[in-house]
Amino acid sequence: MAAQSNMVLRLAAVGLLLASLAVMAGLAVAPQIYLSSIDEQITASRPLLVALREQVAAGPKLRRENKLLISSGKKNTLLLPGTATGVAGANLQRLVVDLVKKHGGQATSFQVLPPKQDGNLVQISMSLRIQADIQGLRDILFTLETGAPLIFVDDLRIRARRFSINQRKRLAPLNVTLQVSGFIAQKEAS
């Protein structure tokens, strides 16, 4: 019985030794498996990294060109006119309301929104409601998106109304709510 008990203890010890060797082998291989998945991620991200490095390398050149443009004294027609956010907001309002009138529309309400920092620029936004027919709206949007200064249409909601004249349904002017924005240079903002 003692011999059998020693044999069971030896088998248990051998089993425990084998189990601990298996755990240690698993712990030794786990980092290699993890590193191989990281290598795959690095390989997949390499083109993005190259593109980002190119953009970073171009940064100082773009900053120099930007400073040259600013110091040249040439008027920047891409930014909103005005030396302060309030003036730029008023100019944005005037530009958009005049454009709506020019294309046969009517501005029913407008509100200049608080300015937002955007890098070296300050974003000046405005929310407005207009009434215009479909052709007028098309011309307004085209002029906004392609003209100077750069004015972006950030949000657009259109609601159509119908009315009847002598049993014929006709489309009334569209009720349009838009949010537009332009930019001024940071140094001009106050």
C-alpha atoms as a PDB file:
ATOM      1  CA  MET A   1       0.000   0.000   0.000  1.00  0.00           C
ATOM      2  CA  ALA A   2       2.867   2.362   0.767  1.00  0.00           C
ATOM      3  CA  ALA A   3       4.395   1.530  -2.602  1.00  0.00           C
ATOM      4  CA  GLN A   4       1.102   2.295  -4.304  1.00  0.00           C
ATOM      5  CA  SER A   5       0.789   5.548  -2.420  1.00  0.00           C
ATOM      6  CA  ASN A   6       4.356   6.548  -3.451  1.00  0.00           C
ATOM      7  CA  MET A   7       3.494   5.736  -7.055  1.00  0.00           C
ATOM      8  CA  VAL A   8       0.368   7.931  -6.903  1.00  0.00           C
ATOM      9  CA  LEU A   9       2.415  10.757  -5.383  1.00  0.00           C
ATOM     10  CA  ARG A  10       5.053  10.409  -8.121  1.00  0.00           C
ATOM     11  CA  LEU A  11       2.392  10.426 -10.836  1.00  0.00           C
ATOM     12  CA  ALA A  12       0.746  13.462  -9.243  1.00  0.00           C
ATOM     13  CA  ALA A  13       4.132  15.226  -9.072  1.00  0.00           C
ATOM     14  CA  VAL A  14       4.864  14.373 -12.716  1.00  0.00           C
ATOM     15  CA  GLY A  15       1.366  15.597 -13.687  1.00  0.00           C
ATOM     16  CA  LEU A  16       1.853  18.818 -11.720  1.00  0.00           C
ATOM     17  CA  LEU A  17       5.279  19.286 -13.326  1.00  0.00           C
ATOM     18  CA  LEU A  18       3.823  18.767 -16.813  1.00  0.00           C
ATOM     19  CA  ALA A  19       0.926  21.159 -16.095  1.00  0.00           C
ATOM     20  CA  SER A  20       3.283  23.879 -14.826  1.00  0.00           C
ATOM     21  CA  LEU A  21       5.542  23.381 -17.892  1.00  0.00           C
ATOM     22  CA  ALA A  22       2.487  23.769 -20.145  1.00  0.00           C
ATOM     23  CA  VAL A  23       1.466  27.007 -18.342  1.00  0.00           C
ATOM     24  CA  MET A  24       5.014  28.391 -18.615  1.00  0.00           C
ATOM     25  CA  ALA A  25       5.145  27.505 -22.316  1.00  0.00           C
ATOM     26  CA  GLY A  26       1.812  29.294 -22.831  1.00  0.00           C
ATOM     27  CA  LEU A  27       3.127  32.351 -20.991  1.00  0.00           C
ATOM     28  CA  ALA A  28       6.268  32.308 -23.133  1.00  0.00           C
ATOM     29  CA  VAL A  29       4.305  32.095 -26.420  1.00  0.00           C
ATOM     30  CA  ALA A  30       1.543  34.613 -25.556  1.00  0.00           C
ATOM     31  CA  PRO A  31       3.720  37.752 -26.030  1.00  0.00           C
ATOM     32  CA  GLN A  32       4.851  36.488 -29.432  1.00  0.00           C
ATOM     33  CA  ILE A  33       1.254  36.020 -30.563  1.00  0.00           C
ATOM     34  CA  TYR A  34       0.372  39.503 -29.258  1.00  0.00           C
ATOM     35  CA  LEU A  35       3.383  41.072 -30.998  1.00  0.00           C
ATOM     36  CA  SER A  36       2.455  39.454 -34.312  1.00  0.00           C
ATOM     37  CA  SER A  37      -0.994  41.096 -34.156  1.00  0.00           C
ATOM     38  CA  ILE A  38       0.664  44.452 -33.425  1.00  0.00           C
ATOM     39  CA  ASP A  39       2.973  43.945 -36.417  1.00  0.00           C
ATOM     40  CA  GLU A  40      -0.088  43.407 -38.628  1.00  0.00           C
ATOM     41  CA  GLN A  41      -1.654  46.625 -37.342  1.00  0.00           C
ATOM     42  CA  ILE A  42       1.571  48.554 -37.963  1.00  0.00           C
ATOM     43  CA  THR A  43       1.823  47.189 -41.505  1.00  0.00           C
ATOM     44  CA  ALA A  44      -1.799  48.132 -42.220  1.00  0.00           C
ATOM     45  CA  SER A  45      -1.284  51.667 -40.838  1.00  0.00           C
ATOM     46  CA  ARG A  46       2.001  52.368 -42.642  1.00  0.00           C
ATOM     47  CA  PRO A  47       0.429  54.165 -45.666  1.00  0.00           C
ATOM     48  CA  LEU A  48      -1.494  56.455 -43.322  1.00  0.00           C
ATOM     49  CA  LEU A  49       1.668  57.174 -41.372  1.00  0.00           C
ATOM     50  CA  VAL A  50       3.538  58.068 -44.573  1.00  0.00           C
ATOM     51  CA  ALA A  51       0.729  60.438 -45.636  1.00  0.00           C
ATOM     52  CA  LEU A  52       0.660  62.090 -42.218  1.00  0.00           C
ATOM     53  CA  ARG A  53       4.437  62.537 -42.245  1.00  0.00           C
ATOM     54  CA  GLU A  54       4.176  64.257 -45.634  1.00  0.00           C
ATOM     55  CA  GLN A  55       1.508  66.605 -44.278  1.00  0.00           C
ATOM     56  CA  VAL A  56       3.611  67.411 -41.214  1.00  0.00           C
ATOM     57  CA  ALA A  57       6.652  68.041 -43.405  1.00  0.00           C
ATOM     58  CA  ALA A  58       4.618  70.478 -45.537  1.00  0.00           C
ATOM     59  CA  GLY A  59       3.409  72.390 -42.454  1.00  0.00           C
ATOM     60  CA  PRO A  60       6.347  74.834 -42.078  1.00  0.00           C
ATOM     61  CA  LYS A  61       6.268  75.652 -45.804  1.00  0.00           C
ATOM     62  CA  LEU A  62       2.527  76.326 -45.662  1.00  0.00           C
ATOM     63  CA  ARG A  63       2.976  78.526 -42.573  1.00  0.00           C
ATOM     64  CA  ARG A  64       5.680  80.562 -44.368  1.00  0.00           C
ATOM     65  CA  GLU A  65       3.452  80.970 -47.418  1.00  0.00           C
ATOM     66  CA  ASN A  66       0.562  81.991 -45.173  1.00  0.00           C
ATOM     67  CA  LYS A  67       2.709  84.609 -43.387  1.00  0.00           C
ATOM     68  CA  LEU A  68       3.891  85.944 -46.748  1.00  0.00           C
ATOM     69  CA  LEU A  69       0.316  86.314 -47.935  1.00  0.00           C
ATOM     70  CA  ILE A  70      -0.710  88.087 -44.753  1.00  0.00           C
ATOM     71  CA  SER A  71       2.329  90.396 -44.767  1.00  0.00           C
ATOM     72  CA  SER A  72       1.977  91.201 -48.491  1.00  0.00           C
ATOM     73  CA  GLY A  73      -0.981  93.414 -47.685  1.00  0.00           C
ATOM     74  CA  LYS A  74      -3.095  91.849 -50.429  1.00  0.00           C
ATOM     75  CA  LYS A  75      -6.743  91.659 -49.557  1.00  0.00           C
ATOM     76  CA  ASN A  76      -7.844  88.086 -48.924  1.00  0.00           C
ATOM     77  CA  THR A  77     -11.103  87.655 -50.790  1.00  0.00           C
ATOM     78  CA  LEU A  78     -11.696  84.152 -49.407  1.00  0.00           C
ATOM     79  CA  LEU A  79     -12.265  85.344 -45.849  1.00  0.00           C
ATOM     80  CA  LEU A  80     -15.192  87.449 -44.662  1.00  0.00           C
ATOM     81  CA  PRO A  81     -14.566  91.180 -44.677  1.00  0.00           C
ATOM     82  CA  GLY A  82     -14.181  92.683 -41.225  1.00  0.00           C
ATOM     83  CA  THR A  83     -11.579  93.182 -38.559  1.00  0.00           C
ATOM     84  CA  ALA A  84     -13.673  91.860 -35.660  1.00  0.00           C
ATOM     85  CA  THR A  85     -16.108  89.003 -35.177  1.00  0.00           C
ATOM     86  CA  GLY A  86     -19.053  91.405 -34.799  1.00  0.00           C
ATOM     87  CA  VAL A  87     -18.226  93.236 -38.014  1.00  0.00           C
ATOM     88  CA  ALA A  88     -17.621  89.961 -39.863  1.00  0.00           C
ATOM     89  CA  GLY A  89     -20.968  88.630 -38.593  1.00  0.00           C
ATOM     90  CA  ALA A  90     -22.738  91.753 -39.827  1.00  0.00           C
ATOM     91  CA  ASN A  91     -20.987  91.440 -43.202  1.00  0.00           C
ATOM     92  CA  LEU A  92     -22.011  87.777 -43.458  1.00  0.00           C
ATOM     93  CA  GLN A  93     -25.582  88.745 -42.677  1.00  0.00           C
ATOM     94  CA  ARG A  94     -25.552  91.532 -45.291  1.00  0.00           C
ATOM     95  CA  LEU A  95     -24.006  89.277 -47.964  1.00  0.00           C
ATOM     96  CA  VAL A  96     -26.512  86.464 -47.453  1.00  0.00           C
ATOM     97  CA  VAL A  97     -29.613  88.673 -47.138  1.00  0.00           C
ATOM     98  CA  ASP A  98     -28.629  90.647 -50.267  1.00  0.00           C
ATOM     99  CA  LEU A  99     -28.054  87.378 -52.136  1.00  0.00           C
ATOM    100  CA  VAL A 100     -31.483  86.070 -51.117  1.00  0.00           C
ATOM    101  CA  LYS A 101     -33.147  89.301 -52.311  1.00  0.00           C
ATOM    102  CA  LYS A 102     -31.170  89.240 -55.573  1.00  0.00           C
ATOM    103  CA  HIS A 103     -32.597  85.808 -56.407  1.00  0.00           C
ATOM    104  CA  GLY A 104     -36.207  86.675 -55.603  1.00  0.00           C
ATOM    105  CA  GLY A 105     -36.327  85.325 -52.087  1.00  0.00           C
ATOM    106  CA  GLN A 106     -37.172  86.908 -48.783  1.00  0.00           C
ATOM    107  CA  ALA A 107     -35.277  86.542 -45.499  1.00  0.00           C
ATOM    108  CA  THR A 108     -37.854  86.179 -42.743  1.00  0.00           C
ATOM    109  CA  SER A 109     -35.464  85.829 -39.798  1.00  0.00           C
ATOM    110  CA  PHE A 110     -31.754  85.594 -39.163  1.00  0.00           C
ATOM    111  CA  GLN A 111     -29.422  85.238 -36.213  1.00  0.00           C
ATOM    112  CA  VAL A 112     -25.645  85.487 -36.079  1.00  0.00           C
ATOM    113  CA  LEU A 113     -24.328  82.673 -33.873  1.00  0.00           C
ATOM    114  CA  PRO A 114     -21.393  82.889 -31.438  1.00  0.00           C
ATOM    115  CA  PRO A 115     -17.979  82.621 -33.144  1.00  0.00           C
ATOM    116  CA  LYS A 116     -15.919  79.420 -32.837  1.00  0.00           C
ATOM    117  CA  GLN A 117     -12.146  78.977 -32.910  1.00  0.00           C
ATOM    118  CA  ASP A 118     -10.964  76.756 -35.768  1.00  0.00           C
ATOM    119  CA  GLY A 119      -7.168  76.668 -35.783  1.00  0.00           C
ATOM    120  CA  ASN A 120      -5.827  79.990 -37.093  1.00  0.00           C
ATOM    121  CA  LEU A 121      -9.320  81.001 -38.168  1.00  0.00           C
ATOM    122  CA  VAL A 122     -12.507  82.041 -36.424  1.00  0.00           C
ATOM    123  CA  GLN A 123     -15.751  80.583 -37.772  1.00  0.00           C
ATOM    124  CA  ILE A 124     -18.603  83.065 -38.037  1.00  0.00           C
ATOM    125  CA  SER A 125     -21.978  81.317 -38.431  1.00  0.00           C
ATOM    126  CA  MET A 126     -25.482  82.519 -39.086  1.00  0.00           C
ATOM    127  CA  SER A 127     -28.859  80.803 -38.970  1.00  0.00           C
ATOM    128  CA  LEU A 128     -31.615  82.169 -41.184  1.00  0.00           C
ATOM    129  CA  ARG A 129     -35.035  81.401 -42.574  1.00  0.00           C
ATOM    130  CA  ILE A 130     -35.952  82.359 -46.082  1.00  0.00           C
ATOM    131  CA  GLN A 131     -38.794  81.929 -48.521  1.00  0.00           C
ATOM    132  CA  ALA A 132     -37.875  81.300 -52.142  1.00  0.00           C
ATOM    133  CA  ASP A 133     -39.067  79.341 -55.135  1.00  0.00           C
ATOM    134  CA  ILE A 134     -37.085  76.322 -56.292  1.00  0.00           C
ATOM    135  CA  GLN A 135     -35.091  78.185 -58.970  1.00  0.00           C
ATOM    136  CA  GLY A 136     -34.276  81.009 -56.575  1.00  0.00           C
ATOM    137  CA  LEU A 137     -33.123  78.532 -53.928  1.00  0.00           C
ATOM    138  CA  ARG A 138     -30.945  76.748 -56.483  1.00  0.00           C
ATOM    139  CA  ASP A 139     -29.318  80.055 -57.494  1.00  0.00           C
ATOM    140  CA  ILE A 140     -28.824  81.112 -53.871  1.00  0.00           C
ATOM    141  CA  LEU A 141     -27.132  77.844 -52.935  1.00  0.00           C
ATOM    142  CA  PHE A 142     -24.968  77.834 -56.064  1.00  0.00           C
ATOM    143  CA  THR A 143     -23.779  81.393 -55.441  1.00  0.00           C
ATOM    144  CA  LEU A 144     -23.114  80.707 -51.756  1.00  0.00           C
ATOM    145  CA  GLU A 145     -21.055  77.598 -52.443  1.00  0.00           C
ATOM    146  CA  THR A 146     -19.049  78.944 -55.401  1.00  0.00           C
ATOM    147  CA  GLY A 147     -18.638  82.649 -54.668  1.00  0.00           C
ATOM    148  CA  ALA A 148     -16.153  84.709 -52.708  1.00  0.00           C
ATOM    149  CA  PRO A 149     -15.765  85.118 -49.828  1.00  0.00           C
ATOM    150  CA  LEU A 150     -16.053  81.421 -49.021  1.00  0.00           C
ATOM    151  CA  ILE A 151     -19.419  80.801 -47.400  1.00  0.00           C
ATOM    152  CA  PHE A 152     -20.349  77.250 -46.475  1.00  0.00           C
ATOM    153  CA  VAL A 153     -23.853  75.853 -46.109  1.00  0.00           C
ATOM    154  CA  ASP A 154     -23.606  73.853 -42.885  1.00  0.00           C
ATOM    155  CA  ASP A 155     -27.248  72.849 -42.551  1.00  0.00           C
ATOM    156  CA  LEU A 156     -30.283  73.043 -44.831  1.00  0.00           C
ATOM    157  CA  ARG A 157     -33.927  72.182 -44.183  1.00  0.00           C
ATOM    158  CA  ILE A 158     -36.658  72.680 -46.773  1.00  0.00           C
ATOM    159  CA  ARG A 159     -40.378  72.587 -46.171  1.00  0.00           C
ATOM    160  CA  ALA A 160     -42.773  72.876 -49.112  1.00  0.00           C
ATOM    161  CA  ARG A 161     -46.286  74.234 -48.825  1.00  0.00           C
ATOM    162  CA  ARG A 162     -49.111  73.674 -51.275  1.00  0.00           C
ATOM    163  CA  PHE A 163     -52.074  75.895 -51.876  1.00  0.00           C
ATOM    164  CA  SER A 164     -55.093  75.657 -54.179  1.00  0.00           C
ATOM    165  CA  ILE A 165     -56.299  78.152 -56.718  1.00  0.00           C
ATOM    166  CA  ASN A 166     -59.424  77.085 -58.629  1.00  0.00           C
ATOM    167  CA  GLN A 167     -58.961  73.422 -57.684  1.00  0.00           C
ATOM    168  CA  ARG A 168     -55.378  73.375 -59.041  1.00  0.00           C
ATOM    169  CA  LYS A 169     -52.677  72.611 -56.548  1.00  0.00           C
ATOM    170  CA  ARG A 170     -49.609  74.769 -56.866  1.00  0.00           C
ATOM    171  CA  LEU A 171     -46.354  74.849 -54.985  1.00  0.00           C
ATOM    172  CA  ALA A 172     -46.010  77.905 -52.773  1.00  0.00           C
ATOM    173  CA  PRO A 173     -42.611  79.417 -52.046  1.00  0.00           C
ATOM    174  CA  LEU A 174     -40.407  77.030 -50.113  1.00  0.00           C
ATOM    175  CA  ASN A 175     -39.752  77.645 -46.433  1.00  0.00           C
ATOM    176  CA  VAL A 176     -36.015  77.127 -46.017  1.00  0.00           C
ATOM    177  CA  THR A 177     -33.945  77.120 -42.849  1.00  0.00           C
ATOM    178  CA  LEU A 178     -30.200  77.269 -43.354  1.00  0.00           C
ATOM    179  CA  GLN A 179     -27.077  77.680 -41.364  1.00  0.00           C
ATOM    180  CA  VAL A 180     -24.151  79.242 -43.186  1.00  0.00           C
ATOM    181  CA  SER A 181     -20.646  80.085 -42.062  1.00  0.00           C
ATOM    182  CA  GLY A 182     -17.565  81.954 -43.180  1.00  0.00           C
ATOM    183  CA  PHE A 183     -14.186  82.597 -41.629  1.00  0.00           C
ATOM    184  CA  ILE A 184     -11.912  85.436 -40.551  1.00  0.00           C
ATOM    185  CA  ALA A 185      -8.244  85.217 -39.623  1.00  0.00           C
ATOM    186  CA  GLN A 186      -7.448  84.656 -35.935  1.00  0.00           C
ATOM    187  CA  LYS A 187      -5.362  87.816 -35.613  1.00  0.00           C
ATOM    188  CA  GLU A 188      -8.302  89.863 -36.867  1.00  0.00           C
ATOM    189  CA  ALA A 189     -10.749  88.384 -34.379  1.00  0.00           C
ATOM    190  CA  SER A 190     -11.499  90.385 -31.267  1.00  0.00           C
END
